[in-house]
Amino acid sequence: MTVSSIPQGSTAPRWLQMLHYTAKPLDYMEQGAQRGGDIFNAPVIGDHETVLFVSHPQGIQQIFSSDKCITAPPNALLQPIVGNRSIFCLEGARHRRERKLLMPPFHREQIPQYGQLILELTENAMAGLAPGESFLARSLMQTISLDVILKVVFGLSDGPRFDQLKTLIIEFTDCFQNSLVSGALFFPALRINWGSRSPWGHFQHVRHQVSELLLAEICDRRAQDTTHKNDILSLLIAARDENGQPMADAELHDELLTMLVAGHETTASAISWALYWIYQNPKIYQTLVDELDRLGPSPDPMEITKLPYLTAVCHETLRLYPIATLTVPREVTAPMTLMDYALEPGTRLYGAIYLTHHRPDLYPESKSFKPERFLERQFSNYEFLPFGGGIRRCIGEVLAQFEMKLVLATLVSHYQLEWVDKTPEVPKRRGVTLAPGNGVKMQFNGKRE
């Protein structure tokens, strides 16, 4: 087979496909899969003519493991958000160096020490609600997740800079609710700064304010003795590469921005989706409550994260509507064969996470929320991949799942909550991720006895 024989996801003009994908990415992907099957051409990202969406586990495994013919280029889609020095936008030796520096603070052995703080931050956020009060889960989870980022990752304590950053970061990420800002990530021609009142101008203005605060914090932290600090920023400042060199301020700045966007937004959306599914299904809710109650009134955070049904609920949430619907891009560097298709250098490849998670051969009745799937069988890293894979697998995966489990466990076991908006939630684009479109409206009915 040749490149020309690869199925087309759509026969529409490219510009129309790009509009379709930008506005309704899941609809575009599902139509492409119906037409093209396991692999199809979807020229909707960047200026590449051949952009393949691959949903078959065998093809995804080959993409992740074929380092001789496939490279992981910079993610140009995210560069305007996170900067040129973010791990998303590096390749080759620079990417390998950055990844080695970033990995230790996110290691599985480092994360448990943050457990008690995450539980406290969740309870602090809930303390502001009165019985009978309605709230948007997406907004409240954003507050909790942002507090986790600022205290666990940045090591900030309450004070003026904490308050400033919190306000600005919410404004920064909320910019992506504007379709023109989200659209500008896919259509560079829309990145026009007409001043701080224009959509893209406002985004850049807020980003600049966030950057100034981050750089000020980095400067202050370098002047402090951080020997006994265990927040992730302090650990990164202390880190040294193989040549004994530390990370530069510009590198730290871009990585902190990356953690803000990739860690705070995504986790808030994932927990919101989980609450949506749990509180509209009494059986799932009761099964989860029973499992949590068996741990007693003050369980150890690590014991919470090991619970099988809670883990299954989190996995099923990340399966049904993965926050990132595609893996980060790969590019073919030498002629190769992928699933019987001959590919030429320059071909862009994406693992279609959403489509893989809805393959009927892997996940029967894939649109239904069924946590028991993950109790009945083990899925490979090419069948269930909410955090991507290969050399671009998400570094913050362990912290994200740790936080998700602890926040959910606290909310379900300590509080009486109710989903009050009977309008079904549908995914809505927020930049390059998807979030519940209505925000998951809930009501707080007091603490559980």
Protein backbone atom coordinates (compact mmCIF):
# COMPACT_ATOMS: atom_id res chain seq x y z
CA MET A 1 0.00 0.00 0.00
CA THR A 2 1.07 3.64 -0.51
CA VAL A 3 0.40 6.85 1.33
CA SER A 4 -2.26 7.75 -1.21
CA SER A 5 -4.22 4.62 -0.29
CA ILE A 6 -4.59 5.62 3.34
CA PRO A 7 -8.28 6.34 3.96
CA GLN A 8 -9.35 9.95 4.18
CA GLY A 9 -11.28 10.86 7.31
CA SER A 10 -13.34 13.34 5.31
CA THR A 11 -13.79 14.45 1.70
CA ALA A 12 -14.46 18.06 2.74
CA PRO A 13 -11.95 20.80 1.90
CA ARG A 14 -9.11 21.02 4.38
CA TRP A 15 -10.17 24.40 5.80
CA LEU A 16 -13.65 23.04 6.48
CA GLN A 17 -12.21 19.95 8.17
CA MET A 18 -10.09 22.20 10.39
CA LEU A 19 -13.15 24.20 11.41
CA HIS A 20 -15.06 20.99 12.14
CA TYR A 21 -12.22 19.59 14.25
CA THR A 22 -11.70 22.85 16.14
CA ALA A 23 -15.40 23.26 16.99
CA LYS A 24 -16.41 19.61 17.47
CA PRO A 25 -13.31 17.41 17.78
CA LEU A 26 -15.07 14.24 18.97
CA ASP A 27 -17.68 14.44 16.22
CA TYR A 28 -14.92 14.93 13.64
CA MET A 29 -12.93 11.97 14.99
CA GLU A 30 -15.92 9.64 15.15
CA GLN A 31 -16.94 10.46 11.57
CA GLY A 32 -13.34 9.92 10.45
CA ALA A 33 -13.20 6.52 12.14
CA GLN A 34 -16.53 5.48 10.60
CA ARG A 35 -15.18 6.38 7.18
CA GLY A 36 -11.52 5.39 7.53
CA GLY A 37 -11.34 2.76 10.27
CA ASP A 38 -8.21 2.18 12.37
CA ILE A 39 -6.06 4.76 10.60
CA PHE A 40 -7.09 7.75 8.49
CA ASN A 41 -5.74 11.02 7.18
CA ALA A 42 -6.94 14.07 9.15
CA PRO A 43 -5.03 17.17 7.92
CA VAL A 44 -6.43 19.39 10.66
CA ILE A 45 -3.36 20.24 12.78
CA GLY A 46 -0.55 22.41 11.45
CA ASP A 47 0.29 22.72 7.77
CA HIS A 48 1.03 19.04 7.08
CA GLU A 49 -0.87 17.39 4.24
CA THR A 50 -0.62 13.91 5.77
CA VAL A 51 -1.69 13.80 9.42
CA LEU A 52 -2.69 10.31 10.48
CA PHE A 53 -5.00 9.53 13.40
CA VAL A 54 -4.28 5.98 14.59
CA SER A 55 -6.64 4.16 16.96
CA HIS A 56 -5.55 0.53 16.71
CA PRO A 57 -3.43 -0.59 19.72
CA GLN A 58 -0.98 -2.33 17.40
CA GLY A 59 -0.41 0.86 15.45
CA ILE A 60 -0.07 2.94 18.63
CA GLN A 61 2.46 0.48 20.03
CA GLN A 62 4.49 0.80 16.85
CA ILE A 63 4.35 4.61 17.04
CA PHE A 64 5.60 4.62 20.63
CA SER A 65 8.40 2.11 20.04
CA SER A 66 9.76 2.82 16.52
CA ASP A 67 12.52 5.22 17.53
CA LYS A 68 14.56 4.52 14.37
CA CYS A 69 11.92 5.82 11.95
CA ILE A 70 9.81 8.07 14.16
CA THR A 71 10.74 11.14 16.18
CA ALA A 72 8.78 13.29 18.63
CA PRO A 73 8.88 16.84 17.23
CA PRO A 74 8.07 20.00 19.22
CA ASN A 75 4.36 20.50 19.90
CA ALA A 76 3.74 23.74 18.01
CA LEU A 77 0.10 23.76 19.12
CA LEU A 78 1.11 24.38 22.75
CA GLN A 79 4.07 26.69 22.16
CA PRO A 80 2.03 29.93 22.40
CA ILE A 81 0.77 28.81 25.82
CA VAL A 82 3.80 27.23 27.50
CA GLY A 83 6.78 28.75 25.67
CA ASN A 84 9.72 27.45 23.61
CA ARG A 85 11.57 25.86 26.54
CA SER A 86 8.70 23.72 27.79
CA ILE A 87 9.24 19.97 27.63
CA PHE A 88 6.34 19.93 25.15
CA CYS A 89 8.35 22.03 22.72
CA LEU A 90 11.78 20.39 22.97
CA GLU A 91 13.16 17.47 21.00
CA GLY A 92 16.22 15.25 20.84
CA ALA A 93 18.99 15.76 23.40
CA ARG A 94 17.35 18.88 24.87
CA HIS A 95 14.15 16.96 25.52
CA ARG A 96 16.01 14.05 27.10
CA ARG A 97 17.95 16.42 29.41
CA GLU A 98 14.78 18.24 30.48
CA ARG A 99 12.88 15.03 31.10
CA LYS A 100 15.67 13.65 33.30
CA LEU A 101 15.64 16.85 35.37
CA LEU A 102 11.84 16.86 35.72
CA MET A 103 11.26 13.19 36.50
CA PRO A 104 12.63 12.83 40.07
CA PRO A 105 10.22 15.32 41.77
CA PHE A 106 7.29 13.46 40.18
CA HIS A 107 8.56 10.00 41.10
CA ARG A 108 6.14 7.59 42.72
CA GLU A 109 8.19 7.68 45.95
CA GLN A 110 8.00 11.48 46.19
CA ILE A 111 4.24 11.91 45.77
CA PRO A 112 2.82 10.32 48.98
CA GLN A 113 4.16 13.15 51.17
CA TYR A 114 1.64 15.50 49.52
CA GLY A 115 -1.39 13.40 50.49
CA GLN A 116 -2.40 15.11 53.72
CA LEU A 117 -2.08 18.56 52.16
CA ILE A 118 -4.38 17.58 49.25
CA LEU A 119 -7.00 16.30 51.72
CA GLU A 120 -6.81 19.55 53.71
CA LEU A 121 -7.09 21.75 50.61
CA THR A 122 -10.20 19.83 49.52
CA GLU A 123 -11.84 20.29 52.91
CA ASN A 124 -10.90 23.99 52.97
CA ALA A 125 -12.62 24.51 49.61
CA MET A 126 -15.78 22.72 50.79
CA ALA A 127 -15.88 24.78 54.01
CA GLY A 128 -16.99 27.79 51.99
CA LEU A 129 -20.29 26.14 51.00
CA ALA A 130 -23.54 26.40 52.98
CA PRO A 131 -26.15 23.58 53.07
CA GLY A 132 -28.53 23.95 50.12
CA GLU A 133 -26.03 25.97 48.10
CA SER A 134 -25.51 25.14 44.44
CA PHE A 135 -22.09 25.24 42.80
CA LEU A 136 -20.37 24.35 39.56
CA ALA A 137 -18.13 21.35 40.15
CA ARG A 138 -15.78 22.46 37.38
CA SER A 139 -15.17 25.82 39.10
CA LEU A 140 -14.72 24.34 42.58
CA MET A 141 -12.41 21.60 41.29
CA GLN A 142 -10.41 24.28 39.49
CA THR A 143 -9.95 26.05 42.82
CA ILE A 144 -8.83 22.86 44.57
CA SER A 145 -6.51 21.82 41.75
CA LEU A 146 -4.99 25.28 41.54
CA ASP A 147 -4.36 25.30 45.30
CA VAL A 148 -2.59 21.94 44.90
CA ILE A 149 -0.42 23.33 42.10
CA LEU A 150 0.49 26.50 44.00
CA LYS A 151 1.30 24.72 47.27
CA VAL A 152 2.58 21.31 46.17
CA VAL A 153 4.32 22.29 42.94
CA PHE A 154 5.25 25.93 43.56
CA GLY A 155 5.64 25.65 47.33
CA LEU A 156 3.77 28.90 47.93
CA SER A 157 2.09 29.70 51.21
CA ASP A 158 -0.88 32.02 51.63
CA GLY A 159 0.02 35.63 50.95
CA PRO A 160 -0.11 38.42 48.33
CA ARG A 161 1.77 36.52 45.62
CA PHE A 162 -0.33 33.38 46.20
CA ASP A 163 -3.53 35.43 45.86
CA GLN A 164 -2.27 37.28 42.77
CA LEU A 165 -1.18 34.12 41.02
CA LYS A 166 -4.42 32.33 41.85
CA THR A 167 -6.53 35.14 40.40
CA LEU A 168 -4.40 35.54 37.28
CA ILE A 169 -4.08 31.82 36.55
CA ILE A 170 -7.85 31.38 36.65
CA GLU A 171 -8.19 34.34 34.29
CA PHE A 172 -5.41 32.89 32.10
CA THR A 173 -6.98 29.45 31.73
CA ASP A 174 -10.49 30.88 31.38
CA CYS A 175 -9.28 32.67 28.25
CA PHE A 176 -9.70 29.33 26.49
CA GLN A 177 -13.46 29.48 26.96
CA ASN A 178 -13.35 32.07 24.19
CA SER A 179 -13.62 30.19 20.90
CA LEU A 180 -11.42 32.76 19.17
CA VAL A 181 -8.57 32.10 21.60
CA SER A 182 -8.94 28.31 21.33
CA GLY A 183 -9.30 28.64 17.57
CA ALA A 184 -6.10 30.70 17.35
CA LEU A 185 -4.12 27.68 18.55
CA PHE A 186 -5.20 25.86 15.37
CA PHE A 187 -5.34 28.90 13.07
CA PRO A 188 -2.18 31.00 13.63
CA ALA A 189 -3.61 33.79 11.45
CA LEU A 190 -6.03 34.55 14.31
CA ARG A 191 -3.16 35.36 16.68
CA ILE A 192 -3.52 39.10 16.28
CA ASN A 193 -2.92 41.37 19.24
CA TRP A 194 -5.29 44.32 18.90
CA GLY A 195 -4.68 45.33 22.49
CA SER A 196 -5.65 43.88 25.87
CA ARG A 197 -9.37 44.07 25.04
CA SER A 198 -9.06 41.81 22.01
CA PRO A 199 -9.27 38.03 22.65
CA TRP A 200 -5.68 37.14 21.72
CA GLY A 201 -4.34 40.43 23.10
CA HIS A 202 -6.04 39.78 26.45
CA PHE A 203 -4.64 36.25 26.53
CA GLN A 204 -1.10 37.55 25.93
CA HIS A 205 -1.55 40.34 28.47
CA VAL A 206 -2.63 37.91 31.21
CA ARG A 207 0.11 35.44 30.27
CA HIS A 208 2.70 38.22 30.64
CA GLN A 209 1.39 39.06 34.12
CA VAL A 210 1.56 35.39 35.15
CA SER A 211 5.11 35.18 33.76
CA GLU A 212 6.30 38.15 35.81
CA LEU A 213 5.02 36.58 39.02
CA LEU A 214 6.56 33.20 38.19
CA LEU A 215 9.95 34.75 37.43
CA ALA A 216 9.79 36.78 40.66
CA GLU A 217 9.09 33.60 42.64
CA ILE A 218 11.96 31.76 40.93
CA CYS A 219 14.31 34.65 41.76
CA ASP A 220 13.23 34.74 45.40
CA ARG A 221 13.47 30.98 45.74
CA ARG A 222 17.03 30.90 44.41
CA ALA A 223 18.04 33.30 47.18
CA GLN A 224 16.57 31.03 49.87
CA ASP A 225 17.93 27.92 51.52
CA THR A 226 15.67 25.23 50.02
CA THR A 227 17.60 22.27 51.46
CA HIS A 228 14.69 21.06 53.54
CA LYS A 229 11.87 22.07 51.20
CA ASN A 230 10.02 19.32 49.37
CA ASP A 231 7.87 21.31 46.93
CA ILE A 232 8.52 20.56 43.28
CA LEU A 233 9.90 24.02 42.37
CA SER A 234 12.54 23.78 45.13
CA LEU A 235 13.49 20.30 43.96
CA LEU A 236 13.81 21.52 40.36
CA ILE A 237 15.99 24.46 41.40
CA ALA A 238 18.28 22.02 43.22
CA ALA A 239 18.39 19.58 40.29
CA ARG A 240 21.54 19.25 38.17
CA ASP A 241 22.04 17.61 34.79
CA GLU A 242 24.83 15.18 33.87
CA ASN A 243 27.24 18.11 33.46
CA GLY A 244 26.35 19.57 36.83
CA GLN A 245 24.33 22.42 35.30
CA PRO A 246 21.06 23.66 36.85
CA MET A 247 17.90 24.64 34.99
CA ALA A 248 17.91 28.25 33.78
CA ASP A 249 15.22 30.69 34.92
CA ALA A 250 13.64 30.64 31.45
CA GLU A 251 13.47 26.83 31.54
CA LEU A 252 11.93 26.81 35.00
CA HIS A 253 9.41 29.47 33.93
CA ASP A 254 8.21 27.48 30.92
CA GLU A 255 8.02 24.24 32.88
CA LEU A 256 5.97 25.91 35.63
CA LEU A 257 3.59 27.25 32.97
CA THR A 258 3.42 23.74 31.52
CA MET A 259 2.52 22.27 34.91
CA LEU A 260 -0.15 24.93 35.37
CA VAL A 261 -1.84 24.15 32.07
CA ALA A 262 -1.20 20.40 31.93
CA GLY A 263 -1.75 19.77 35.64
CA HIS A 264 -4.36 22.15 36.94
CA GLU A 265 -6.83 22.36 34.03
CA THR A 266 -6.79 18.68 33.19
CA THR A 267 -7.19 17.39 36.75
CA ALA A 268 -10.05 19.81 37.47
CA SER A 269 -11.92 18.62 34.38
CA ALA A 270 -11.30 14.94 35.14
CA ILE A 271 -12.62 15.20 38.72
CA SER A 272 -15.67 17.12 37.46
CA TRP A 273 -16.45 14.36 34.96
CA ALA A 274 -16.09 11.76 37.71
CA LEU A 275 -18.58 13.61 39.94
CA TYR A 276 -20.99 13.83 37.01
CA TRP A 277 -20.94 10.06 36.47
CA ILE A 278 -20.97 9.10 40.16
CA TYR A 279 -23.90 11.28 41.18
CA GLN A 280 -26.23 10.30 38.38
CA ASN A 281 -25.89 6.58 39.12
CA PRO A 282 -26.99 5.54 42.65
CA LYS A 283 -25.43 2.09 42.34
CA ILE A 284 -22.00 3.45 41.46
CA TYR A 285 -22.25 6.04 44.22
CA GLN A 286 -23.23 3.49 46.87
CA THR A 287 -20.54 1.00 45.83
CA LEU A 288 -17.94 3.74 46.12
CA VAL A 289 -19.26 4.98 49.48
CA ASP A 290 -19.25 1.45 50.89
CA GLU A 291 -15.65 0.90 49.82
CA LEU A 292 -14.52 4.21 51.33
CA ASP A 293 -16.43 3.68 54.57
CA ARG A 294 -14.66 0.39 55.17
CA LEU A 295 -11.42 2.33 55.65
CA GLY A 296 -12.74 4.08 58.76
CA PRO A 297 -13.01 7.79 59.62
CA SER A 298 -9.36 8.92 59.12
CA PRO A 299 -7.67 6.64 56.60
CA ASP A 300 -4.10 7.02 55.44
CA PRO A 301 -3.99 8.77 52.03
CA MET A 302 -2.00 5.92 50.49
CA GLU A 303 -4.65 3.40 51.60
CA ILE A 304 -7.27 5.50 49.82
CA THR A 305 -5.35 5.48 46.55
CA LYS A 306 -5.08 1.68 46.58
CA LEU A 307 -8.86 1.10 46.64
CA PRO A 308 -9.83 -1.00 43.58
CA TYR A 309 -13.29 0.45 42.91
CA LEU A 310 -12.14 4.06 43.37
CA THR A 311 -9.30 3.33 40.95
CA ALA A 312 -11.75 1.79 38.47
CA VAL A 313 -14.03 4.85 38.69
CA CYS A 314 -11.07 7.13 37.95
CA HIS A 315 -9.90 4.98 35.06
CA GLU A 316 -13.37 4.78 33.52
CA THR A 317 -13.68 8.57 33.81
CA LEU A 318 -10.38 9.03 31.97
CA ARG A 319 -11.42 6.45 29.39
CA LEU A 320 -14.84 7.79 28.46
CA TYR A 321 -13.84 11.43 27.94
CA PRO A 322 -10.05 11.63 28.07
CA ILE A 323 -9.02 15.24 28.69
CA ALA A 324 -6.51 15.03 25.83
CA THR A 325 -8.06 13.25 22.86
CA LEU A 326 -4.78 12.78 20.99
CA THR A 327 -1.22 11.90 21.94
CA VAL A 328 1.43 14.51 21.30
CA PRO A 329 2.64 14.38 17.67
CA ARG A 330 5.21 12.09 16.14
CA GLU A 331 6.85 12.47 12.75
CA VAL A 332 8.14 9.85 10.32
CA THR A 333 11.84 10.41 9.57
CA ALA A 334 12.53 7.49 7.21
CA PRO A 335 10.36 5.31 4.93
CA MET A 336 8.50 2.79 7.04
CA THR A 337 5.41 0.58 7.18
CA LEU A 338 2.69 1.18 9.76
CA MET A 339 -0.11 -1.39 9.84
CA ASP A 340 0.54 -2.36 6.21
CA TYR A 341 0.61 1.26 5.02
CA ALA A 342 3.80 2.64 3.50
CA LEU A 343 4.67 5.98 5.07
CA GLU A 344 7.03 8.64 3.76
CA PRO A 345 9.21 11.00 5.80
CA GLY A 346 7.33 14.07 6.96
CA THR A 347 4.12 12.19 7.78
CA ARG A 348 2.64 13.31 11.11
CA LEU A 349 1.22 10.67 13.44
CA TYR A 350 -1.16 10.98 16.38
CA GLY A 351 -2.45 8.22 18.62
CA ALA A 352 -6.21 8.85 18.68
CA ILE A 353 -6.75 8.34 22.43
CA TYR A 354 -10.48 9.02 22.33
CA LEU A 355 -11.08 6.62 19.44
CA THR A 356 -8.98 3.87 21.04
CA HIS A 357 -10.97 4.28 24.26
CA HIS A 358 -14.19 3.74 22.31
CA ARG A 359 -13.22 0.72 20.25
CA PRO A 360 -16.09 -1.79 20.60
CA ASP A 361 -13.63 -4.70 20.49
CA LEU A 362 -11.98 -3.32 23.67
CA TYR A 363 -14.83 -1.48 25.37
CA PRO A 364 -18.33 -2.82 24.54
CA GLU A 365 -21.03 -0.17 25.05
CA SER A 366 -18.23 2.36 25.16
CA LYS A 367 -20.52 5.37 25.72
CA SER A 368 -21.75 3.87 29.01
CA PHE A 369 -19.93 4.55 32.29
CA LYS A 370 -18.95 1.11 33.62
CA PRO A 371 -16.10 1.12 36.16
CA GLU A 372 -16.27 -2.67 36.42
CA ARG A 373 -14.46 -2.87 33.06
CA PHE A 374 -11.25 -2.15 34.92
CA LEU A 375 -11.98 -4.78 37.57
CA GLU A 376 -12.70 -7.50 35.02
CA ARG A 377 -9.61 -7.16 32.85
CA GLN A 378 -6.24 -5.49 32.53
CA PHE A 379 -5.73 -3.13 29.60
CA SER A 380 -2.35 -2.57 28.00
CA ASN A 381 -0.65 0.83 27.67
CA TYR A 382 -1.78 0.86 24.03
CA GLU A 383 -5.44 0.16 24.85
CA PHE A 384 -5.84 2.58 27.75
CA LEU A 385 -3.63 5.64 27.40
CA PRO A 386 -5.12 8.80 28.96
CA PHE A 387 -1.59 10.09 29.66
CA GLY A 388 -0.12 9.28 26.26
CA GLY A 389 2.91 7.02 26.00
CA GLY A 390 6.48 6.49 24.95
CA ILE A 391 9.07 9.21 25.52
CA ARG A 392 6.27 11.82 25.63
CA ARG A 393 4.21 10.10 28.33
CA CYS A 394 2.92 12.65 30.84
CA ILE A 395 5.43 13.19 33.65
CA GLY A 396 2.70 14.30 36.06
CA GLU A 397 0.63 11.13 35.66
CA VAL A 398 1.24 9.80 39.18
CA LEU A 399 0.50 13.14 40.87
CA ALA A 400 -2.63 13.67 38.73
CA GLN A 401 -4.12 10.27 39.61
CA PHE A 402 -3.09 10.65 43.26
CA GLU A 403 -4.86 14.01 43.48
CA MET A 404 -7.92 12.79 41.59
CA LYS A 405 -8.42 9.84 43.94
CA LEU A 406 -7.92 11.81 47.14
CA VAL A 407 -10.21 14.68 46.14
CA LEU A 408 -12.96 12.32 44.97
CA ALA A 409 -12.67 10.16 48.08
CA THR A 410 -12.96 13.22 50.34
CA LEU A 411 -15.98 14.62 48.52
CA VAL A 412 -17.88 11.34 48.36
CA SER A 413 -17.12 10.11 51.89
CA HIS A 414 -17.41 13.39 53.83
CA TYR A 415 -20.19 15.36 52.12
CA GLN A 416 -23.74 14.99 50.85
CA LEU A 417 -23.75 16.17 47.26
CA GLU A 418 -26.38 16.05 44.53
CA TRP A 419 -26.28 16.58 40.77
CA VAL A 420 -29.05 19.11 40.18
CA ASP A 421 -28.83 20.01 36.50
CA LYS A 422 -30.55 17.23 34.57
CA THR A 423 -29.17 18.50 31.26
CA PRO A 424 -26.64 15.92 30.03
CA GLU A 425 -23.07 17.17 30.02
CA VAL A 426 -21.26 17.27 26.71
CA PRO A 427 -17.54 17.90 26.20
CA LYS A 428 -16.54 21.44 25.24
CA ARG A 429 -13.16 22.56 23.98
CA ARG A 430 -10.95 24.54 26.36
CA GLY A 431 -7.80 25.20 24.34
CA VAL A 432 -6.37 21.80 23.44
CA THR A 433 -8.37 19.92 26.11
CA LEU A 434 -12.03 19.06 26.65
CA ALA A 435 -14.12 19.88 29.73
CA PRO A 436 -17.77 19.38 30.77
CA GLY A 437 -19.68 22.00 28.80
CA ASN A 438 -22.10 23.03 31.56
CA GLY A 439 -19.59 22.76 34.40
CA VAL A 440 -21.52 19.99 36.26
CA LYS A 441 -23.98 21.88 38.46
CA MET A 442 -24.27 20.33 41.92
CA GLN A 443 -25.81 21.09 45.30
CA PHE A 444 -24.18 20.84 48.72
CA ASN A 445 -26.54 19.29 51.29
CA GLY A 446 -24.22 19.24 54.29
CA LYS A 447 -21.70 16.83 55.77
CA ARG A 448 -22.28 13.09 55.96
CA GLU A 449 -23.00 11.79 59.44
